[in-house]
């Protein structure tokens, strides 16, 4: 996870800037203070609100006939993070809260991570969707091939209600539109189902998508996204080709 300036850091930088301009009249010392502050960043806080026209999860439309509103909060300290992800149905009553504990560490161009996820469905019985509170472990590795091109492999194992696992291979890139302001971030992925969505072991789905993040300020980013999922052998009997899109706003410190 990339380090992001904190609110206290911004206040400190403003103080340093004022002091430098007042006593030395030079901007170079201010730039050095900003660089030092960013380098010493050891924690970050990210808050995201999102609208998605469909709730797509691992190749399956998990809430047919309704979009979802999402609130996501992530606190990171050094290589560890706690994420609380909450989703609510917009046309149907649906609530889900996921808690994720993750460890992530970079070694050159390689990033390794692993963690635990708890899925909590307060009103799952109301829609009779068959969802139940469950838990899983995951491990992941990503490799920065060149520039912004990144390949990643993620393995999730549900050791609770589902007792199955899911493997995803993903390739993502980023192309700058306006430097430091906007970019186009495409991705493609293919997944394999080990008794997770089905009772078989087979290819799950192919997915491709596009994000367009736009910087609205030092701490605020708005992003529009669109994606397409094509079911493969494991879920072809009950899932269908799905396209969806949405928008989100992220505030980072």
C-alpha atoms as a PDB file:
ATOM      1  CA  UNK A   1       0.000   0.000   0.000  1.00  0.00           C
ATOM      2  CA  UNK A   2       1.297   3.382  -0.913  1.00  0.00           C
ATOM      3  CA  UNK A   3       1.908   5.866   1.870  1.00  0.00           C
ATOM      4  CA  UNK A   4      -0.409   8.846   1.908  1.00  0.00           C
ATOM      5  CA  UNK A   5       0.004  12.184   3.730  1.00  0.00           C
ATOM      6  CA  UNK A   6      -1.911  12.360   7.007  1.00  0.00           C
ATOM      7  CA  UNK A   7      -4.063  15.246   8.249  1.00  0.00           C
ATOM      8  CA  UNK A   8      -1.595  15.940  11.067  1.00  0.00           C
ATOM      9  CA  UNK A   9       1.159  15.821   8.493  1.00  0.00           C
ATOM     10  CA  UNK A  10      -0.590  18.451   6.396  1.00  0.00           C
ATOM     11  CA  UNK A  11      -0.927  20.710   9.431  1.00  0.00           C
ATOM     12  CA  UNK A  12       2.755  20.213  10.190  1.00  0.00           C
ATOM     13  CA  UNK A  13       3.729  20.990   6.628  1.00  0.00           C
ATOM     14  CA  UNK A  14       1.638  24.185   6.664  1.00  0.00           C
ATOM     15  CA  UNK A  15       3.410  25.225   9.873  1.00  0.00           C
ATOM     16  CA  UNK A  16       6.833  24.511   8.406  1.00  0.00           C
ATOM     17  CA  UNK A  17       5.933  26.354   5.233  1.00  0.00           C
ATOM     18  CA  UNK A  18       4.832  29.454   7.131  1.00  0.00           C
ATOM     19  CA  UNK A  19       7.933  29.402   9.323  1.00  0.00           C
ATOM     20  CA  UNK A  20      10.300  28.995   6.389  1.00  0.00           C
ATOM     21  CA  UNK A  21       8.715  31.765   4.389  1.00  0.00           C
ATOM     22  CA  UNK A  22       8.683  34.039   7.404  1.00  0.00           C
ATOM     23  CA  UNK A  23      12.266  33.483   8.533  1.00  0.00           C
ATOM     24  CA  UNK A  24      14.194  32.465   5.426  1.00  0.00           C
ATOM     25  CA  UNK A  25      12.063  33.565   2.518  1.00  0.00           C
ATOM     26  CA  UNK A  26      13.006  30.475   0.498  1.00  0.00           C
ATOM     27  CA  UNK A  27      10.790  27.695  -0.896  1.00  0.00           C
ATOM     28  CA  UNK A  28      13.560  25.091  -1.060  1.00  0.00           C
ATOM     29  CA  UNK A  29      13.491  24.396   2.690  1.00  0.00           C
ATOM     30  CA  UNK A  30       9.717  23.903   2.526  1.00  0.00           C
ATOM     31  CA  UNK A  31      10.108  21.321  -0.241  1.00  0.00           C
ATOM     32  CA  UNK A  32      12.674  19.452   1.855  1.00  0.00           C
ATOM     33  CA  UNK A  33      10.283  19.448   4.836  1.00  0.00           C
ATOM     34  CA  UNK A  34       7.444  18.043   2.677  1.00  0.00           C
ATOM     35  CA  UNK A  35       9.720  15.306   1.313  1.00  0.00           C
ATOM     36  CA  UNK A  36      10.850  14.325   4.807  1.00  0.00           C
ATOM     37  CA  UNK A  37       7.279  14.203   6.054  1.00  0.00           C
ATOM     38  CA  UNK A  38       6.123  11.928   3.200  1.00  0.00           C
ATOM     39  CA  UNK A  39       9.147   9.637   3.622  1.00  0.00           C
ATOM     40  CA  UNK A  40       8.462   9.140   7.334  1.00  0.00           C
ATOM     41  CA  UNK A  41       4.777   8.274   6.808  1.00  0.00           C
ATOM     42  CA  UNK A  42       4.140   5.023   8.705  1.00  0.00           C
ATOM     43  CA  UNK A  43       0.343   4.909   8.741  1.00  0.00           C
ATOM     44  CA  UNK A  44      -2.513   5.752   6.414  1.00  0.00           C
ATOM     45  CA  UNK A  45      -6.281   6.051   6.582  1.00  0.00           C
ATOM     46  CA  UNK A  46      -8.502   5.598   3.524  1.00  0.00           C
ATOM     47  CA  UNK A  47     -12.266   6.128   3.302  1.00  0.00           C
ATOM     48  CA  UNK A  48     -14.297   5.251   0.193  1.00  0.00           C
ATOM     49  CA  UNK A  49     -17.962   5.596  -0.740  1.00  0.00           C
ATOM     50  CA  UNK A  50     -19.144   3.815  -3.870  1.00  0.00           C
ATOM     51  CA  UNK A  51     -22.165   3.160  -6.064  1.00  0.00           C
ATOM     52  CA  UNK A  52     -22.185   0.005  -8.207  1.00  0.00           C
ATOM     53  CA  UNK A  53     -25.005  -0.874 -10.595  1.00  0.00           C
ATOM     54  CA  UNK A  54     -24.655  -4.585  -9.697  1.00  0.00           C
ATOM     55  CA  UNK A  55     -23.124  -6.563  -6.857  1.00  0.00           C
ATOM     56  CA  UNK A  56     -20.718  -8.819  -8.733  1.00  0.00           C
ATOM     57  CA  UNK A  57     -18.616 -11.140  -6.598  1.00  0.00           C
ATOM     58  CA  UNK A  58     -16.322 -13.738  -8.097  1.00  0.00           C
ATOM     59  CA  UNK A  59     -18.251 -13.976 -11.343  1.00  0.00           C
ATOM     60  CA  UNK A  60     -21.731 -14.161  -9.813  1.00  0.00           C
ATOM     61  CA  UNK A  61     -24.396 -11.444  -9.537  1.00  0.00           C
ATOM     62  CA  UNK A  62     -24.937 -11.722  -5.792  1.00  0.00           C
ATOM     63  CA  UNK A  63     -27.941  -9.364  -5.613  1.00  0.00           C
ATOM     64  CA  UNK A  64     -29.994  -9.701  -8.827  1.00  0.00           C
ATOM     65  CA  UNK A  65     -32.186  -6.696  -9.624  1.00  0.00           C
ATOM     66  CA  UNK A  66     -30.391  -4.224  -7.392  1.00  0.00           C
ATOM     67  CA  UNK A  67     -27.289  -2.093  -7.231  1.00  0.00           C
ATOM     68  CA  UNK A  68     -25.367  -1.515  -4.018  1.00  0.00           C
ATOM     69  CA  UNK A  69     -23.947   1.348  -2.024  1.00  0.00           C
ATOM     70  CA  UNK A  70     -20.579   0.684  -0.397  1.00  0.00           C
ATOM     71  CA  UNK A  71     -18.679   2.280   2.469  1.00  0.00           C
ATOM     72  CA  UNK A  72     -15.089   1.167   2.966  1.00  0.00           C
ATOM     73  CA  UNK A  73     -12.647   2.184   5.707  1.00  0.00           C
ATOM     74  CA  UNK A  74      -9.004   1.025   5.816  1.00  0.00           C
ATOM     75  CA  UNK A  75      -6.435   1.778   8.504  1.00  0.00           C
ATOM     76  CA  UNK A  76      -2.844   0.759   7.765  1.00  0.00           C
ATOM     77  CA  UNK A  77       0.071   0.732  10.178  1.00  0.00           C
ATOM     78  CA  UNK A  78       3.411  -0.291   8.696  1.00  0.00           C
ATOM     79  CA  UNK A  79       2.801  -3.644   6.918  1.00  0.00           C
ATOM     80  CA  UNK A  80      -0.553  -4.353   8.593  1.00  0.00           C
ATOM     81  CA  UNK A  81      -4.045  -3.127   7.815  1.00  0.00           C
ATOM     82  CA  UNK A  82      -7.616  -3.438   9.066  1.00  0.00           C
ATOM     83  CA  UNK A  83     -10.408  -2.987   6.525  1.00  0.00           C
ATOM     84  CA  UNK A  84     -14.139  -2.655   7.259  1.00  0.00           C
ATOM     85  CA  UNK A  85     -16.289  -2.971   4.127  1.00  0.00           C
ATOM     86  CA  UNK A  86     -20.052  -2.424   4.298  1.00  0.00           C
ATOM     87  CA  UNK A  87     -22.558  -2.897   1.463  1.00  0.00           C
ATOM     88  CA  UNK A  88     -26.275  -2.054   1.353  1.00  0.00           C
ATOM     89  CA  UNK A  89     -28.793  -2.958  -1.353  1.00  0.00           C
ATOM     90  CA  UNK A  90     -30.403  -0.033  -3.153  1.00  0.00           C
ATOM     91  CA  UNK A  91     -33.577  -1.701  -4.501  1.00  0.00           C
ATOM     92  CA  UNK A  92     -33.618  -4.647  -2.123  1.00  0.00           C
ATOM     93  CA  UNK A  93     -32.958  -4.795   1.579  1.00  0.00           C
ATOM     94  CA  UNK A  94     -29.501  -6.254   1.911  1.00  0.00           C
ATOM     95  CA  UNK A  95     -26.668  -5.727   4.375  1.00  0.00           C
ATOM     96  CA  UNK A  96     -23.163  -7.145   4.434  1.00  0.00           C
ATOM     97  CA  UNK A  97     -20.166  -6.230   6.561  1.00  0.00           C
ATOM     98  CA  UNK A  98     -16.721  -7.695   5.864  1.00  0.00           C
ATOM     99  CA  UNK A  99     -13.755  -7.411   8.211  1.00  0.00           C
ATOM    100  CA  UNK A 100     -10.288  -7.977   6.752  1.00  0.00           C
ATOM    101  CA  UNK A 101      -6.956  -8.218   8.543  1.00  0.00           C
ATOM    102  CA  UNK A 102      -4.017  -8.142   6.126  1.00  0.00           C
ATOM    103  CA  UNK A 103      -0.233  -8.222   6.134  1.00  0.00           C
ATOM    104  CA  UNK A 104       1.551  -6.848   3.062  1.00  0.00           C
ATOM    105  CA  UNK A 105       5.255  -6.486   2.352  1.00  0.00           C
ATOM    106  CA  UNK A 106       7.227  -5.323  -0.680  1.00  0.00           C
ATOM    107  CA  UNK A 107      10.476  -7.002  -1.752  1.00  0.00           C
ATOM    108  CA  UNK A 108      11.784  -5.197  -4.800  1.00  0.00           C
ATOM    109  CA  UNK A 109       9.249  -5.613  -7.640  1.00  0.00           C
ATOM    110  CA  UNK A 110       7.361  -8.308  -5.688  1.00  0.00           C
ATOM    111  CA  UNK A 111       4.588  -7.650  -3.164  1.00  0.00           C
ATOM    112  CA  UNK A 112       3.512 -10.454  -0.835  1.00  0.00           C
ATOM    113  CA  UNK A 113       0.353 -10.397   1.271  1.00  0.00           C
ATOM    114  CA  UNK A 114      -1.895 -12.615   3.327  1.00  0.00           C
ATOM    115  CA  UNK A 115      -4.728 -12.336   5.782  1.00  0.00           C
ATOM    116  CA  UNK A 116      -8.125 -13.210   7.165  1.00  0.00           C
ATOM    117  CA  UNK A 117     -11.654 -12.172   6.105  1.00  0.00           C
ATOM    118  CA  UNK A 118     -14.865 -12.415   8.133  1.00  0.00           C
ATOM    119  CA  UNK A 119     -18.108 -12.123   6.133  1.00  0.00           C
ATOM    120  CA  UNK A 120     -21.126 -11.026   8.175  1.00  0.00           C
ATOM    121  CA  UNK A 121     -24.698 -10.921   6.750  1.00  0.00           C
ATOM    122  CA  UNK A 122     -27.112  -9.323   9.269  1.00  0.00           C
ATOM    123  CA  UNK A 123     -30.236  -9.767   7.113  1.00  0.00           C
ATOM    124  CA  UNK A 124     -29.362 -12.727   4.904  1.00  0.00           C
ATOM    125  CA  UNK A 125     -32.486 -14.675   5.874  1.00  0.00           C
ATOM    126  CA  UNK A 126     -34.763 -11.855   4.674  1.00  0.00           C
ATOM    127  CA  UNK A 127     -33.898 -12.356   0.992  1.00  0.00           C
ATOM    128  CA  UNK A 128     -33.382 -16.118   1.269  1.00  0.00           C
ATOM    129  CA  UNK A 129     -30.218 -15.872  -0.818  1.00  0.00           C
ATOM    130  CA  UNK A 130     -28.569 -18.686   1.060  1.00  0.00           C
ATOM    131  CA  UNK A 131     -25.689 -16.578   2.307  1.00  0.00           C
ATOM    132  CA  UNK A 132     -24.328 -17.296   5.755  1.00  0.00           C
ATOM    133  CA  UNK A 133     -21.675 -15.723   7.929  1.00  0.00           C
ATOM    134  CA  UNK A 134     -18.370 -17.282   6.969  1.00  0.00           C
ATOM    135  CA  UNK A 135     -14.597 -16.896   7.155  1.00  0.00           C
ATOM    136  CA  UNK A 136     -11.650 -17.289   4.829  1.00  0.00           C
ATOM    137  CA  UNK A 137      -7.884 -17.007   4.619  1.00  0.00           C
ATOM    138  CA  UNK A 138      -5.995 -15.622   1.644  1.00  0.00           C
ATOM    139  CA  UNK A 139      -2.488 -15.287   0.260  1.00  0.00           C
ATOM    140  CA  UNK A 140      -1.407 -13.189  -2.704  1.00  0.00           C
ATOM    141  CA  UNK A 141       1.660 -12.221  -4.681  1.00  0.00           C
ATOM    142  CA  UNK A 142       2.064  -9.512  -7.288  1.00  0.00           C
ATOM    143  CA  UNK A 143       4.948  -8.692  -9.602  1.00  0.00           C
ATOM    144  CA  UNK A 144       5.685  -5.323 -11.189  1.00  0.00           C
ATOM    145  CA  UNK A 145       6.623  -6.522 -14.671  1.00  0.00           C
ATOM    146  CA  UNK A 146       7.535  -3.152 -16.139  1.00  0.00           C
ATOM    147  CA  UNK A 147       6.530   0.433 -15.392  1.00  0.00           C
ATOM    148  CA  UNK A 148       2.897   0.232 -14.194  1.00  0.00           C
ATOM    149  CA  UNK A 149       2.133  -3.271 -15.568  1.00  0.00           C
ATOM    150  CA  UNK A 150       1.422  -5.595 -12.634  1.00  0.00           C
ATOM    151  CA  UNK A 151       0.579  -9.307 -12.581  1.00  0.00           C
ATOM    152  CA  UNK A 152      -1.002 -10.774  -9.445  1.00  0.00           C
ATOM    153  CA  UNK A 153      -2.099 -14.185  -8.188  1.00  0.00           C
ATOM    154  CA  UNK A 154      -4.546 -14.484  -5.271  1.00  0.00           C
ATOM    155  CA  UNK A 155      -5.752 -17.621  -3.505  1.00  0.00           C
ATOM    156  CA  UNK A 156      -8.749 -17.502  -1.126  1.00  0.00           C
ATOM    157  CA  UNK A 157      -9.744 -20.451   1.049  1.00  0.00           C
ATOM    158  CA  UNK A 158     -13.100 -20.509   2.846  1.00  0.00           C
ATOM    159  CA  UNK A 159     -12.592 -22.844   5.806  1.00  0.00           C
ATOM    160  CA  UNK A 160     -16.041 -22.248   7.324  1.00  0.00           C
ATOM    161  CA  UNK A 161     -19.470 -22.492   5.639  1.00  0.00           C
ATOM    162  CA  UNK A 162     -18.336 -23.035   2.043  1.00  0.00           C
ATOM    163  CA  UNK A 163     -15.206 -25.139   2.576  1.00  0.00           C
ATOM    164  CA  UNK A 164     -13.918 -24.300  -0.884  1.00  0.00           C
ATOM    165  CA  UNK A 165     -11.326 -22.077  -2.502  1.00  0.00           C
ATOM    166  CA  UNK A 166     -10.896 -19.605  -5.332  1.00  0.00           C
ATOM    167  CA  UNK A 167      -7.837 -18.687  -7.411  1.00  0.00           C
ATOM    168  CA  UNK A 168      -7.512 -15.532  -9.523  1.00  0.00           C
ATOM    169  CA  UNK A 169      -4.801 -14.452 -11.962  1.00  0.00           C
ATOM    170  CA  UNK A 170      -4.955 -10.749 -12.829  1.00  0.00           C
ATOM    171  CA  UNK A 171      -3.061  -8.382 -15.115  1.00  0.00           C
ATOM    172  CA  UNK A 172      -3.457  -4.619 -14.558  1.00  0.00           C
ATOM    173  CA  UNK A 173      -1.907  -1.485 -16.028  1.00  0.00           C
ATOM    174  CA  UNK A 174      -2.249   2.286 -15.791  1.00  0.00           C
ATOM    175  CA  UNK A 175      -1.952   4.946 -18.498  1.00  0.00           C
ATOM    176  CA  UNK A 176      -1.713   8.602 -17.573  1.00  0.00           C
ATOM    177  CA  UNK A 177      -4.161  10.960 -19.326  1.00  0.00           C
ATOM    178  CA  UNK A 178      -3.254  14.151 -17.523  1.00  0.00           C
ATOM    179  CA  UNK A 179      -0.076  13.856 -15.459  1.00  0.00           C
ATOM    180  CA  UNK A 180      -0.799  13.612 -11.713  1.00  0.00           C
ATOM    181  CA  UNK A 181      -4.512  14.291 -12.378  1.00  0.00           C
ATOM    182  CA  UNK A 182      -6.154  11.455 -14.326  1.00  0.00           C
ATOM    183  CA  UNK A 183      -5.391   8.013 -15.720  1.00  0.00           C
ATOM    184  CA  UNK A 184      -6.991   5.024 -17.429  1.00  0.00           C
ATOM    185  CA  UNK A 185      -6.462   1.737 -15.540  1.00  0.00           C
ATOM    186  CA  UNK A 186      -7.503  -1.399 -17.473  1.00  0.00           C
ATOM    187  CA  UNK A 187      -7.358  -4.967 -16.150  1.00  0.00           C
ATOM    188  CA  UNK A 188      -8.124  -8.523 -17.191  1.00  0.00           C
ATOM    189  CA  UNK A 189      -8.457 -11.590 -14.970  1.00  0.00           C
ATOM    190  CA  UNK A 190      -9.287 -15.259 -15.090  1.00  0.00           C
ATOM    191  CA  UNK A 191     -10.279 -17.373 -12.106  1.00  0.00           C
ATOM    192  CA  UNK A 192     -10.487 -21.018 -11.096  1.00  0.00           C
ATOM    193  CA  UNK A 193     -13.113 -22.524  -8.793  1.00  0.00           C
ATOM    194  CA  UNK A 194     -12.186 -25.219  -6.254  1.00  0.00           C
ATOM    195  CA  UNK A 195     -15.674 -26.119  -4.954  1.00  0.00           C
ATOM    196  CA  UNK A 196     -16.325 -22.467  -4.070  1.00  0.00           C
ATOM    197  CA  UNK A 197     -19.129 -21.387  -6.423  1.00  0.00           C
ATOM    198  CA  UNK A 198     -19.890 -24.919  -7.578  1.00  0.00           C
ATOM    199  CA  UNK A 199     -19.384 -28.576  -6.741  1.00  0.00           C
ATOM    200  CA  UNK A 200     -16.617 -28.965  -9.276  1.00  0.00           C
ATOM    201  CA  UNK A 201     -13.062 -27.815  -9.927  1.00  0.00           C
ATOM    202  CA  UNK A 202     -12.988 -25.807 -13.141  1.00  0.00           C
ATOM    203  CA  UNK A 203     -12.434 -22.370 -14.652  1.00  0.00           C
ATOM    204  CA  UNK A 204     -14.796 -19.896 -12.984  1.00  0.00           C
ATOM    205  CA  UNK A 205     -14.963 -16.691 -15.049  1.00  0.00           C
ATOM    206  CA  UNK A 206     -13.107 -14.281 -17.281  1.00  0.00           C
ATOM    207  CA  UNK A 207     -13.327 -10.608 -16.372  1.00  0.00           C
ATOM    208  CA  UNK A 208     -12.119  -7.351 -17.840  1.00  0.00           C
ATOM    209  CA  UNK A 209     -12.638  -3.820 -16.660  1.00  0.00           C
ATOM    210  CA  UNK A 210     -11.572  -0.219 -16.738  1.00  0.00           C
ATOM    211  CA  UNK A 211     -11.125   2.382 -13.976  1.00  0.00           C
ATOM    212  CA  UNK A 212     -10.712   6.109 -14.619  1.00  0.00           C
ATOM    213  CA  UNK A 213      -9.406   7.785 -11.428  1.00  0.00           C
ATOM    214  CA  UNK A 214      -9.355  11.587 -11.331  1.00  0.00           C
ATOM    215  CA  UNK A 215      -7.537  13.527  -8.624  1.00  0.00           C
ATOM    216  CA  UNK A 216      -9.715  16.207  -7.039  1.00  0.00           C
ATOM    217  CA  UNK A 217      -7.059  17.370  -4.603  1.00  0.00           C
ATOM    218  CA  UNK A 218      -4.185  16.168  -2.492  1.00  0.00           C
ATOM    219  CA  UNK A 219      -6.363  13.761  -0.526  1.00  0.00           C
ATOM    220  CA  UNK A 220      -9.448  13.189  -2.709  1.00  0.00           C
ATOM    221  CA  UNK A 221      -9.864  10.963  -5.773  1.00  0.00           C
ATOM    222  CA  UNK A 222     -12.993  10.260  -7.820  1.00  0.00           C
ATOM    223  CA  UNK A 223     -13.139   7.197 -10.043  1.00  0.00           C
ATOM    224  CA  UNK A 224     -15.582   5.843 -12.587  1.00  0.00           C
ATOM    225  CA  UNK A 225     -15.456   2.173 -13.531  1.00  0.00           C
ATOM    226  CA  UNK A 226     -16.986  -0.365 -15.904  1.00  0.00           C
ATOM    227  CA  UNK A 227     -16.497  -4.137 -16.126  1.00  0.00           C
ATOM    228  CA  UNK A 228     -17.638  -7.279 -17.924  1.00  0.00           C
ATOM    229  CA  UNK A 229     -17.723 -10.834 -16.527  1.00  0.00           C
ATOM    230  CA  UNK A 230     -18.062 -13.941 -18.701  1.00  0.00           C
ATOM    231  CA  UNK A 231     -18.923 -17.198 -16.881  1.00  0.00           C
ATOM    232  CA  UNK A 232     -16.870 -20.281 -17.650  1.00  0.00           C
ATOM    233  CA  UNK A 233     -17.392 -23.979 -16.980  1.00  0.00           C
ATOM    234  CA  UNK A 234     -17.763 -23.923 -13.177  1.00  0.00           C
ATOM    235  CA  UNK A 235     -20.634 -21.393 -13.081  1.00  0.00           C
ATOM    236  CA  UNK A 236     -21.972 -21.507 -16.645  1.00  0.00           C
ATOM    237  CA  UNK A 237     -25.163 -23.320 -15.575  1.00  0.00           C
ATOM    238  CA  UNK A 238     -26.406 -20.576 -13.233  1.00  0.00           C
ATOM    239  CA  UNK A 239     -24.415 -17.408 -13.980  1.00  0.00           C
ATOM    240  CA  UNK A 240     -24.591 -15.276 -17.101  1.00  0.00           C
ATOM    241  CA  UNK A 241     -22.553 -12.659 -18.880  1.00  0.00           C
ATOM    242  CA  UNK A 242     -22.801  -9.474 -16.825  1.00  0.00           C
ATOM    243  CA  UNK A 243     -21.789  -5.880 -17.444  1.00  0.00           C
ATOM    244  CA  UNK A 244     -21.824  -3.246 -14.718  1.00  0.00           C
ATOM    245  CA  UNK A 245     -20.368   0.080 -13.711  1.00  0.00           C
ATOM    246  CA  UNK A 246     -20.267   2.697 -10.998  1.00  0.00           C
ATOM    247  CA  UNK A 247     -18.486   5.564  -9.364  1.00  0.00           C
ATOM    248  CA  UNK A 248     -16.601   6.075  -6.107  1.00  0.00           C
ATOM    249  CA  UNK A 249     -14.934   8.819  -4.116  1.00  0.00           C
ATOM    250  CA  UNK A 250     -11.898   8.128  -1.930  1.00  0.00           C
ATOM    251  CA  UNK A 251     -10.413  10.308   0.784  1.00  0.00           C
ATOM    252  CA  UNK A 252      -6.890   9.373   1.896  1.00  0.00           C
ATOM    253  CA  UNK A 253      -4.636  10.554   4.709  1.00  0.00           C
END
